[in-house]
Each structure stands twice: as structure tokens, then as C-alpha cells.
PDB file of N, CA and C in Angstrom:
ATOM      1  N   UNK A   1     -12.288  28.335 -21.605  1.00  0.00           N
ATOM      2  CA  UNK A   1     -11.411  27.871 -20.546  1.00  0.00           C
ATOM      3  C   UNK A   1     -10.566  26.705 -21.034  1.00  0.00           C
ATOM      4  N   UNK A   2     -11.188  25.757 -21.725  1.00  0.00           N
ATOM      5  CA  UNK A   2     -10.431  24.624 -22.252  1.00  0.00           C
ATOM      6  C   UNK A   2      -9.394  25.114 -23.246  1.00  0.00           C
ATOM      7  N   UNK A   3      -9.781  26.135 -24.022  1.00  0.00           N
ATOM      8  CA  UNK A   3      -8.843  26.720 -24.974  1.00  0.00           C
ATOM      9  C   UNK A   3      -7.634  27.292 -24.238  1.00  0.00           C
ATOM     10  N   UNK A   4      -7.878  27.943 -23.103  1.00  0.00           N
ATOM     11  CA  UNK A   4      -6.786  28.500 -22.312  1.00  0.00           C
ATOM     12  C   UNK A   4      -5.857  27.404 -21.820  1.00  0.00           C
ATOM     13  N   UNK A   5      -6.414  26.326 -21.297  1.00  0.00           N
ATOM     14  CA  UNK A   5      -5.603  25.234 -20.763  1.00  0.00           C
ATOM     15  C   UNK A   5      -4.793  24.573 -21.870  1.00  0.00           C
ATOM     16  N   UNK A   6      -5.418  24.350 -23.021  1.00  0.00           N
ATOM     17  CA  UNK A   6      -4.674  23.722 -24.116  1.00  0.00           C
ATOM     18  C   UNK A   6      -3.553  24.633 -24.607  1.00  0.00           C
ATOM     19  N   UNK A   7      -3.817  25.941 -24.623  1.00  0.00           N
ATOM     20  CA  UNK A   7      -2.755  26.862 -25.029  1.00  0.00           C
ATOM     21  C   UNK A   7      -1.654  26.944 -23.981  1.00  0.00           C
ATOM     22  N   UNK A   8      -2.029  26.792 -22.721  1.00  0.00           N
ATOM     23  CA  UNK A   8      -1.057  26.864 -21.638  1.00  0.00           C
ATOM     24  C   UNK A   8      -0.041  25.735 -21.729  1.00  0.00           C
ATOM     25  N   UNK A   9      -0.494  24.544 -22.089  1.00  0.00           N
ATOM     26  CA  UNK A   9       0.391  23.387 -22.136  1.00  0.00           C
ATOM     27  C   UNK A   9       0.898  23.065 -23.537  1.00  0.00           C
ATOM     28  N   UNK A  10       0.531  23.842 -24.512  1.00  0.00           N
ATOM     29  CA  UNK A  10       0.975  23.634 -25.880  1.00  0.00           C
ATOM     30  C   UNK A  10       2.404  24.159 -26.027  1.00  0.00           C
ATOM     31  N   UNK A  11       3.278  23.353 -26.593  1.00  0.00           N
ATOM     32  CA  UNK A  11       4.690  23.730 -26.751  1.00  0.00           C
ATOM     33  C   UNK A  11       4.860  24.903 -27.718  1.00  0.00           C
ATOM     34  N   UNK A  12       3.916  25.095 -28.666  1.00  0.00           N
ATOM     35  CA  UNK A  12       4.030  26.156 -29.655  1.00  0.00           C
ATOM     36  C   UNK A  12       3.606  27.523 -29.114  1.00  0.00           C
ATOM     37  N   UNK A  13       3.027  27.557 -27.935  1.00  0.00           N
ATOM     38  CA  UNK A  13       2.556  28.806 -27.359  1.00  0.00           C
ATOM     39  C   UNK A  13       3.728  29.561 -26.743  1.00  0.00           C
ATOM     40  N   UNK A  14       3.832  30.843 -27.097  1.00  0.00           N
ATOM     41  CA  UNK A  14       4.920  31.649 -26.546  1.00  0.00           C
ATOM     42  C   UNK A  14       4.570  32.102 -25.135  1.00  0.00           C
ATOM     43  N   UNK A  15       5.585  32.446 -24.379  1.00  0.00           N
ATOM     44  CA  UNK A  15       5.355  32.918 -23.010  1.00  0.00           C
ATOM     45  C   UNK A  15       4.556  34.219 -23.025  1.00  0.00           C
ATOM     46  N   UNK A  16       4.710  34.996 -24.074  1.00  0.00           N
ATOM     47  CA  UNK A  16       3.943  36.234 -24.211  1.00  0.00           C
ATOM     48  C   UNK A  16       2.449  35.928 -24.292  1.00  0.00           C
ATOM     49  N   UNK A  17       2.077  34.916 -25.062  1.00  0.00           N
ATOM     50  CA  UNK A  17       0.670  34.536 -25.197  1.00  0.00           C
ATOM     51  C   UNK A  17       0.108  34.004 -23.883  1.00  0.00           C
ATOM     52  N   UNK A  18       0.905  33.215 -23.179  1.00  0.00           N
ATOM     53  CA  UNK A  18       0.473  32.676 -21.885  1.00  0.00           C
ATOM     54  C   UNK A  18       0.270  33.812 -20.894  1.00  0.00           C
ATOM     55  N   UNK A  19       1.213  34.752 -20.843  1.00  0.00           N
ATOM     56  CA  UNK A  19       1.103  35.889 -19.926  1.00  0.00           C
ATOM     57  C   UNK A  19      -0.119  36.741 -20.259  1.00  0.00           C
ATOM     58  N   UNK A  20      -0.375  36.947 -21.530  1.00  0.00           N
ATOM     59  CA  UNK A  20      -1.537  37.727 -21.957  1.00  0.00           C
ATOM     60  C   UNK A  20      -2.833  37.051 -21.503  1.00  0.00           C
ATOM     61  N   UNK A  21      -2.918  35.739 -21.671  1.00  0.00           N
ATOM     62  CA  UNK A  21      -4.120  34.999 -21.275  1.00  0.00           C
ATOM     63  C   UNK A  21      -4.302  35.030 -19.759  1.00  0.00           C
ATOM     64  N   UNK A  22      -3.224  34.892 -19.021  1.00  0.00           N
ATOM     65  CA  UNK A  22      -3.313  34.963 -17.555  1.00  0.00           C
ATOM     66  C   UNK A  22      -3.787  36.343 -17.107  1.00  0.00           C
ATOM     67  N   UNK A  23      -3.253  37.376 -17.718  1.00  0.00           N
ATOM     68  CA  UNK A  23      -3.669  38.736 -17.386  1.00  0.00           C
ATOM     69  C   UNK A  23      -5.146  38.941 -17.710  1.00  0.00           C
ATOM     70  N   UNK A  24      -5.599  38.402 -18.821  1.00  0.00           N
ATOM     71  CA  UNK A  24      -7.005  38.504 -19.203  1.00  0.00           C
ATOM     72  C   UNK A  24      -7.893  37.866 -18.133  1.00  0.00           C
ATOM     73  N   UNK A  25      -7.492  36.690 -17.646  1.00  0.00           N
ATOM     74  CA  UNK A  25      -8.275  36.009 -16.616  1.00  0.00           C
ATOM     75  C   UNK A  25      -8.280  36.786 -15.302  1.00  0.00           C
ATOM     76  N   UNK A  26      -7.145  37.382 -14.952  1.00  0.00           N
ATOM     77  CA  UNK A  26      -7.072  38.191 -13.733  1.00  0.00           C
ATOM     78  C   UNK A  26      -7.984  39.409 -13.855  1.00  0.00           C
ATOM     79  N   UNK A  27      -7.974  40.057 -15.008  1.00  0.00           N
ATOM     80  CA  UNK A  27      -8.829  41.226 -15.209  1.00  0.00           C
ATOM     81  C   UNK A  27     -10.303  40.860 -15.156  1.00  0.00           C
ATOM     82  N   UNK A  28     -10.659  39.732 -15.744  1.00  0.00           N
ATOM     83  CA  UNK A  28     -12.051  39.271 -15.683  1.00  0.00           C
ATOM     84  C   UNK A  28     -12.458  39.062 -14.238  1.00  0.00           C
ATOM     85  N   UNK A  29     -11.591  38.425 -13.472  1.00  0.00           N
ATOM     86  CA  UNK A  29     -11.899  38.160 -12.061  1.00  0.00           C
ATOM     87  C   UNK A  29     -12.020  39.462 -11.280  1.00  0.00           C
ATOM     88  N   UNK A  30     -11.117  40.406 -11.531  1.00  0.00           N
ATOM     89  CA  UNK A  30     -11.151  41.685 -10.820  1.00  0.00           C
ATOM     90  C   UNK A  30     -12.416  42.476 -11.134  1.00  0.00           C
ATOM     91  N   UNK A  31     -12.887  42.412 -12.357  1.00  0.00           N
ATOM     92  CA  UNK A  31     -14.071  43.168 -12.764  1.00  0.00           C
ATOM     93  C   UNK A  31     -15.372  42.525 -12.305  1.00  0.00           C
ATOM     94  N   UNK A  32     -15.317  41.299 -11.883  1.00  0.00           N
ATOM     95  CA  UNK A  32     -16.548  40.583 -11.549  1.00  0.00           C
ATOM     96  C   UNK A  32     -17.135  41.006 -10.206  1.00  0.00           C
ATOM     97  N   UNK A  33     -16.400  41.708  -9.387  1.00  0.00           N
ATOM     98  CA  UNK A  33     -16.824  42.162  -8.060  1.00  0.00           C
ATOM     99  C   UNK A  33     -17.294  41.012  -7.170  1.00  0.00           C
ATOM    100  N   UNK A  34     -16.808  39.836  -7.423  1.00  0.00           N
ATOM    101  CA  UNK A  34     -17.133  38.669  -6.608  1.00  0.00           C
ATOM    102  C   UNK A  34     -15.880  38.291  -5.834  1.00  0.00           C
ATOM    103  N   UNK A  35     -16.007  38.213  -4.525  1.00  0.00           N
ATOM    104  CA  UNK A  35     -14.849  37.924  -3.687  1.00  0.00           C
ATOM    105  C   UNK A  35     -14.459  36.454  -3.791  1.00  0.00           C
ATOM    106  N   UNK A  36     -13.184  36.141  -3.563  1.00  0.00           N
ATOM    107  CA  UNK A  36     -12.749  34.743  -3.558  1.00  0.00           C
ATOM    108  C   UNK A  36     -13.484  33.918  -2.494  1.00  0.00           C
ATOM    109  N   UNK A  37     -13.861  34.569  -1.390  1.00  0.00           N
ATOM    110  CA  UNK A  37     -14.607  33.865  -0.343  1.00  0.00           C
ATOM    111  C   UNK A  37     -15.968  33.414  -0.853  1.00  0.00           C
ATOM    112  N   UNK A  38     -16.623  34.289  -1.636  1.00  0.00           N
ATOM    113  CA  UNK A  38     -17.930  33.941  -2.199  1.00  0.00           C
ATOM    114  C   UNK A  38     -17.798  32.796  -3.198  1.00  0.00           C
ATOM    115  N   UNK A  39     -16.754  32.826  -4.017  1.00  0.00           N
ATOM    116  CA  UNK A  39     -16.517  31.727  -4.969  1.00  0.00           C
ATOM    117  C   UNK A  39     -16.293  30.427  -4.205  1.00  0.00           C
ATOM    118  N   UNK A  40     -15.520  30.471  -3.128  1.00  0.00           N
ATOM    119  CA  UNK A  40     -15.273  29.274  -2.321  1.00  0.00           C
ATOM    120  C   UNK A  40     -16.548  28.736  -1.697  1.00  0.00           C
ATOM    121  N   UNK A  41     -17.392  29.634  -1.179  1.00  0.00           N
ATOM    122  CA  UNK A  41     -18.663  29.212  -0.583  1.00  0.00           C
ATOM    123  C   UNK A  41     -19.587  28.623  -1.639  1.00  0.00           C
ATOM    124  N   UNK A  42     -19.623  29.238  -2.809  1.00  0.00           N
ATOM    125  CA  UNK A  42     -20.439  28.729  -3.912  1.00  0.00           C
ATOM    126  C   UNK A  42     -19.982  27.337  -4.320  1.00  0.00           C
ATOM    127  N   UNK A  43     -18.675  27.158  -4.415  1.00  0.00           N
ATOM    128  CA  UNK A  43     -18.112  25.854  -4.781  1.00  0.00           C
ATOM    129  C   UNK A  43     -18.479  24.794  -3.741  1.00  0.00           C
ATOM    130  N   UNK A  44     -18.371  25.137  -2.469  1.00  0.00           N
ATOM    131  CA  UNK A  44     -18.717  24.186  -1.405  1.00  0.00           C
ATOM    132  C   UNK A  44     -20.191  23.808  -1.457  1.00  0.00           C
ATOM    133  N   UNK A  45     -21.058  24.790  -1.700  1.00  0.00           N
ATOM    134  CA  UNK A  45     -22.492  24.509  -1.804  1.00  0.00           C
ATOM    135  C   UNK A  45     -22.808  23.638  -3.012  1.00  0.00           C
ATOM    136  N   UNK A  46     -22.166  23.928  -4.142  1.00  0.00           N
ATOM    137  CA  UNK A  46     -22.371  23.102  -5.340  1.00  0.00           C
ATOM    138  C   UNK A  46     -21.974  21.654  -5.076  1.00  0.00           C
ATOM    139  N   UNK A  47     -20.834  21.466  -4.437  1.00  0.00           N
ATOM    140  CA  UNK A  47     -20.359  20.110  -4.129  1.00  0.00           C
ATOM    141  C   UNK A  47     -21.375  19.390  -3.250  1.00  0.00           C
ATOM    142  N   UNK A  48     -21.850  20.071  -2.215  1.00  0.00           N
ATOM    143  CA  UNK A  48     -22.796  19.454  -1.280  1.00  0.00           C
ATOM    144  C   UNK A  48     -24.079  19.013  -1.991  1.00  0.00           C
ATOM    145  N   UNK A  49     -24.628  19.864  -2.835  1.00  0.00           N
ATOM    146  CA  UNK A  49     -25.881  19.541  -3.522  1.00  0.00           C
ATOM    147  C   UNK A  49     -25.679  18.459  -4.572  1.00  0.00           C
ATOM    148  N   UNK A  50     -24.644  18.581  -5.386  1.00  0.00           N
ATOM    149  CA  UNK A  50     -24.428  17.624  -6.469  1.00  0.00           C
ATOM    150  C   UNK A  50     -24.104  16.242  -5.929  1.00  0.00           C
ATOM    151  N   UNK A  51     -23.401  16.166  -4.793  1.00  0.00           N
ATOM    152  CA  UNK A  51     -23.060  14.860  -4.224  1.00  0.00           C
ATOM    153  C   UNK A  51     -24.284  14.102  -3.719  1.00  0.00           C
ATOM    154  N   UNK A  52     -25.415  14.760  -3.583  1.00  0.00           N
ATOM    155  CA  UNK A  52     -26.645  14.059  -3.225  1.00  0.00           C
ATOM    156  C   UNK A  52     -27.118  13.166  -4.372  1.00  0.00           C
ATOM    157  N   UNK A  53     -26.748  13.505  -5.600  1.00  0.00           N
ATOM    158  CA  UNK A  53     -27.240  12.813  -6.783  1.00  0.00           C
ATOM    159  C   UNK A  53     -26.161  12.075  -7.573  1.00  0.00           C
ATOM    160  N   UNK A  54     -24.901  12.470  -7.383  1.00  0.00           N
ATOM    161  CA  UNK A  54     -23.812  11.914  -8.180  1.00  0.00           C
ATOM    162  C   UNK A  54     -22.561  11.740  -7.338  1.00  0.00           C
ATOM    163  N   UNK A  55     -21.742  10.770  -7.740  1.00  0.00           N
ATOM    164  CA  UNK A  55     -20.405  10.627  -7.172  1.00  0.00           C
ATOM    165  C   UNK A  55     -19.488  11.436  -8.077  1.00  0.00           C
ATOM    166  N   UNK A  56     -18.891  12.511  -7.540  1.00  0.00           N
ATOM    167  CA  UNK A  56     -18.074  13.401  -8.359  1.00  0.00           C
ATOM    168  C   UNK A  56     -16.630  13.401  -7.884  1.00  0.00           C
ATOM    169  N   UNK A  57     -15.729  13.821  -8.782  1.00  0.00           N
ATOM    170  CA  UNK A  57     -14.314  13.962  -8.463  1.00  0.00           C
ATOM    171  C   UNK A  57     -14.095  15.382  -7.940  1.00  0.00           C
ATOM    172  N   UNK A  58     -14.157  15.548  -6.636  1.00  0.00           N
ATOM    173  CA  UNK A  58     -14.077  16.868  -6.013  1.00  0.00           C
ATOM    174  C   UNK A  58     -12.726  17.528  -6.274  1.00  0.00           C
ATOM    175  N   UNK A  59     -11.664  16.749  -6.328  1.00  0.00           N
ATOM    176  CA  UNK A  59     -10.320  17.306  -6.537  1.00  0.00           C
ATOM    177  C   UNK A  59     -10.175  17.945  -7.920  1.00  0.00           C
ATOM    178  N   UNK A  60     -10.920  17.475  -8.906  1.00  0.00           N
ATOM    179  CA  UNK A  60     -10.811  17.990 -10.273  1.00  0.00           C
ATOM    180  C   UNK A  60     -11.872  19.029 -10.604  1.00  0.00           C
ATOM    181  N   UNK A  61     -12.752  19.336  -9.672  1.00  0.00           N
ATOM    182  CA  UNK A  61     -13.839  20.274  -9.897  1.00  0.00           C
ATOM    183  C   UNK A  61     -13.291  21.685 -10.090  1.00  0.00           C
ATOM    184  N   UNK A  62     -13.803  22.388 -11.092  1.00  0.00           N
ATOM    185  CA  UNK A  62     -13.381  23.762 -11.379  1.00  0.00           C
ATOM    186  C   UNK A  62     -14.630  24.637 -11.471  1.00  0.00           C
ATOM    187  N   UNK A  63     -14.635  25.750 -10.744  1.00  0.00           N
ATOM    188  CA  UNK A  63     -15.741  26.706 -10.785  1.00  0.00           C
ATOM    189  C   UNK A  63     -15.163  28.080 -11.080  1.00  0.00           C
ATOM    190  N   UNK A  64     -15.691  28.738 -12.112  1.00  0.00           N
ATOM    191  CA  UNK A  64     -15.233  30.073 -12.488  1.00  0.00           C
ATOM    192  C   UNK A  64     -16.422  30.955 -12.816  1.00  0.00           C
ATOM    193  N   UNK A  65     -16.249  32.241 -12.655  1.00  0.00           N
ATOM    194  CA  UNK A  65     -17.208  33.230 -13.126  1.00  0.00           C
ATOM    195  C   UNK A  65     -16.549  33.987 -14.262  1.00  0.00           C
ATOM    196  N   UNK A  66     -17.273  34.139 -15.361  1.00  0.00           N
ATOM    197  CA  UNK A  66     -16.735  34.864 -16.507  1.00  0.00           C
ATOM    198  C   UNK A  66     -17.656  36.014 -16.856  1.00  0.00           C
ATOM    199  N   UNK A  67     -17.068  37.185 -17.095  1.00  0.00           N
ATOM    200  CA  UNK A  67     -17.818  38.367 -17.510  1.00  0.00           C
ATOM    201  C   UNK A  67     -17.694  38.545 -19.005  1.00  0.00           C
ATOM    202  N   UNK A  68     -18.795  38.959 -19.608  1.00  0.00           N
ATOM    203  CA  UNK A  68     -18.806  39.265 -21.031  1.00  0.00           C
ATOM    204  C   UNK A  68     -19.651  40.515 -21.211  1.00  0.00           C
ATOM    205  N   UNK A  69     -19.026  41.674 -21.218  1.00  0.00           N
ATOM    206  CA  UNK A  69     -19.694  42.971 -21.282  1.00  0.00           C
ATOM    207  C   UNK A  69     -20.682  43.126 -20.130  1.00  0.00           C
ATOM    208  N   UNK A  70     -21.973  42.932 -20.387  1.00  0.00           N
ATOM    209  CA  UNK A  70     -22.973  43.175 -19.343  1.00  0.00           C
ATOM    210  C   UNK A  70     -23.544  41.899 -18.735  1.00  0.00           C
ATOM    211  N   UNK A  71     -22.963  40.750 -19.028  1.00  0.00           N
ATOM    212  CA  UNK A  71     -23.460  39.494 -18.464  1.00  0.00           C
ATOM    213  C   UNK A  71     -22.346  38.757 -17.731  1.00  0.00           C
ATOM    214  N   UNK A  72     -22.745  37.954 -16.766  1.00  0.00           N
ATOM    215  CA  UNK A  72     -21.804  37.124 -16.026  1.00  0.00           C
ATOM    216  C   UNK A  72     -22.268  35.682 -16.146  1.00  0.00           C
ATOM    217  N   UNK A  73     -21.328  34.759 -16.339  1.00  0.00           N
ATOM    218  CA  UNK A  73     -21.668  33.341 -16.470  1.00  0.00           C
ATOM    219  C   UNK A  73     -20.892  32.525 -15.452  1.00  0.00           C
ATOM    220  N   UNK A  74     -21.573  31.570 -14.852  1.00  0.00           N
ATOM    221  CA  UNK A  74     -20.942  30.614 -13.954  1.00  0.00           C
ATOM    222  C   UNK A  74     -20.550  29.414 -14.797  1.00  0.00           C
ATOM    223  N   UNK A  75     -19.265  29.105 -14.829  1.00  0.00           N
ATOM    224  CA  UNK A  75     -18.755  27.973 -15.584  1.00  0.00           C
ATOM    225  C   UNK A  75     -18.266  26.940 -14.580  1.00  0.00           C
ATOM    226  N   UNK A  76     -18.868  25.757 -14.614  1.00  0.00           N
ATOM    227  CA  UNK A  76     -18.487  24.690 -13.689  1.00  0.00           C
ATOM    228  C   UNK A  76     -18.125  23.442 -14.484  1.00  0.00           C
ATOM    229  N   UNK A  77     -16.940  22.934 -14.239  1.00  0.00           N
ATOM    230  CA  UNK A  77     -16.491  21.677 -14.837  1.00  0.00           C
ATOM    231  C   UNK A  77     -16.440  20.668 -13.697  1.00  0.00           C
ATOM    232  N   UNK A  78     -17.395  19.722 -13.708  1.00  0.00           N
ATOM    233  CA  UNK A  78     -17.553  18.787 -12.596  1.00  0.00           C
ATOM    234  C   UNK A  78     -17.455  17.363 -13.125  1.00  0.00           C
ATOM    235  N   UNK A  79     -16.305  16.710 -12.958  1.00  0.00           N
ATOM    236  CA  UNK A  79     -16.166  15.326 -13.415  1.00  0.00           C
ATOM    237  C   UNK A  79     -17.073  14.388 -12.606  1.00  0.00           C
ATOM    238  N   UNK A  80     -17.948  13.671 -13.306  1.00  0.00           N
ATOM    239  CA  UNK A  80     -18.897  12.757 -12.668  1.00  0.00           C
ATOM    240  C   UNK A  80     -18.364  11.341 -12.789  1.00  0.00           C
ATOM    241  N   UNK A  81     -18.222  10.679 -11.652  1.00  0.00           N
ATOM    242  CA  UNK A  81     -17.772   9.281 -11.644  1.00  0.00           C
ATOM    243  C   UNK A  81     -18.942   8.337 -11.893  1.00  0.00           C
ATOM    244  N   UNK A  82     -20.055   8.597 -11.208  1.00  0.00           N
ATOM    245  CA  UNK A  82     -21.248   7.761 -11.393  1.00  0.00           C
ATOM    246  C   UNK A  82     -22.466   8.478 -10.833  1.00  0.00           C
ATOM    247  N   UNK A  83     -23.639   8.015 -11.260  1.00  0.00           N
ATOM    248  CA  UNK A  83     -24.901   8.537 -10.750  1.00  0.00           C
ATOM    249  C   UNK A  83     -25.363   7.679  -9.588  1.00  0.00           C
ATOM    250  N   UNK A  84     -25.987   8.307  -8.622  1.00  0.00           N
ATOM    251  CA  UNK A  84     -26.563   7.565  -7.507  1.00  0.00           C
ATOM    252  C   UNK A  84     -27.989   7.191  -7.896  1.00  0.00           C
ATOM    253  N   UNK A  85     -28.329   5.933  -7.762  1.00  0.00           N
ATOM    254  CA  UNK A  85     -29.646   5.451  -8.179  1.00  0.00           C
ATOM    255  C   UNK A  85     -30.739   5.782  -7.177  1.00  0.00           C
ATOM    256  N   UNK A  86     -30.419   5.808  -5.899  1.00  0.00           N
ATOM    257  CA  UNK A  86     -31.411   6.089  -4.864  1.00  0.00           C
ATOM    258  C   UNK A  86     -31.091   7.415  -4.192  1.00  0.00           C
ATOM    259  N   UNK A  87     -32.136   8.126  -3.841  1.00  0.00           N
ATOM    260  CA  UNK A  87     -31.949   9.428  -3.185  1.00  0.00           C
ATOM    261  C   UNK A  87     -32.278   9.302  -1.719  1.00  0.00           C
TER     262      UNK A  87
END
């Protein structure tokens, strides 16, 4: 994912490469059989649980599902501002 973002904003990347990467991400999402509503609910639940233990940057939080042949991975990038000392 970071590779995709760096290629997206890299001046040397052609529009063809950017379009190919975007299409790849769309196809991965389409094949995952996970609805956008489910991703949104999962993201909301993650935020609720993690905020019990950490102060996080909710605006910068990214949650994705990635398929790789027969496996699916949840990729979450959650910027942590600080840890909460008391629960």
C-alpha cells in the first residue's frame, strides 16, 4: 500500500502505471466479496476499541482488505498520538 501511495505521488510515474495500480486495487476489492458497509462497520469498531487504549488520529486511519490467491489480509494503518496510561 505504501508502495502504491509513493508511486501515485512520484513525478516519474506515468499515468498508465497509476491507472494500472488503481485498477488492481479495484479488482482486489471486487473479488473480496466484502461490502463497503462491512468495511465501514469494521473501521468504526476498530476505532472504538483502540481508543480505549490509545489516542489515535482518526482522520488519518486507513483500513483495507487485501486478497492474495486463497488468503485475505486486513491491513490497518493507525497513527497513534499517545498511549493511555489508565484504563
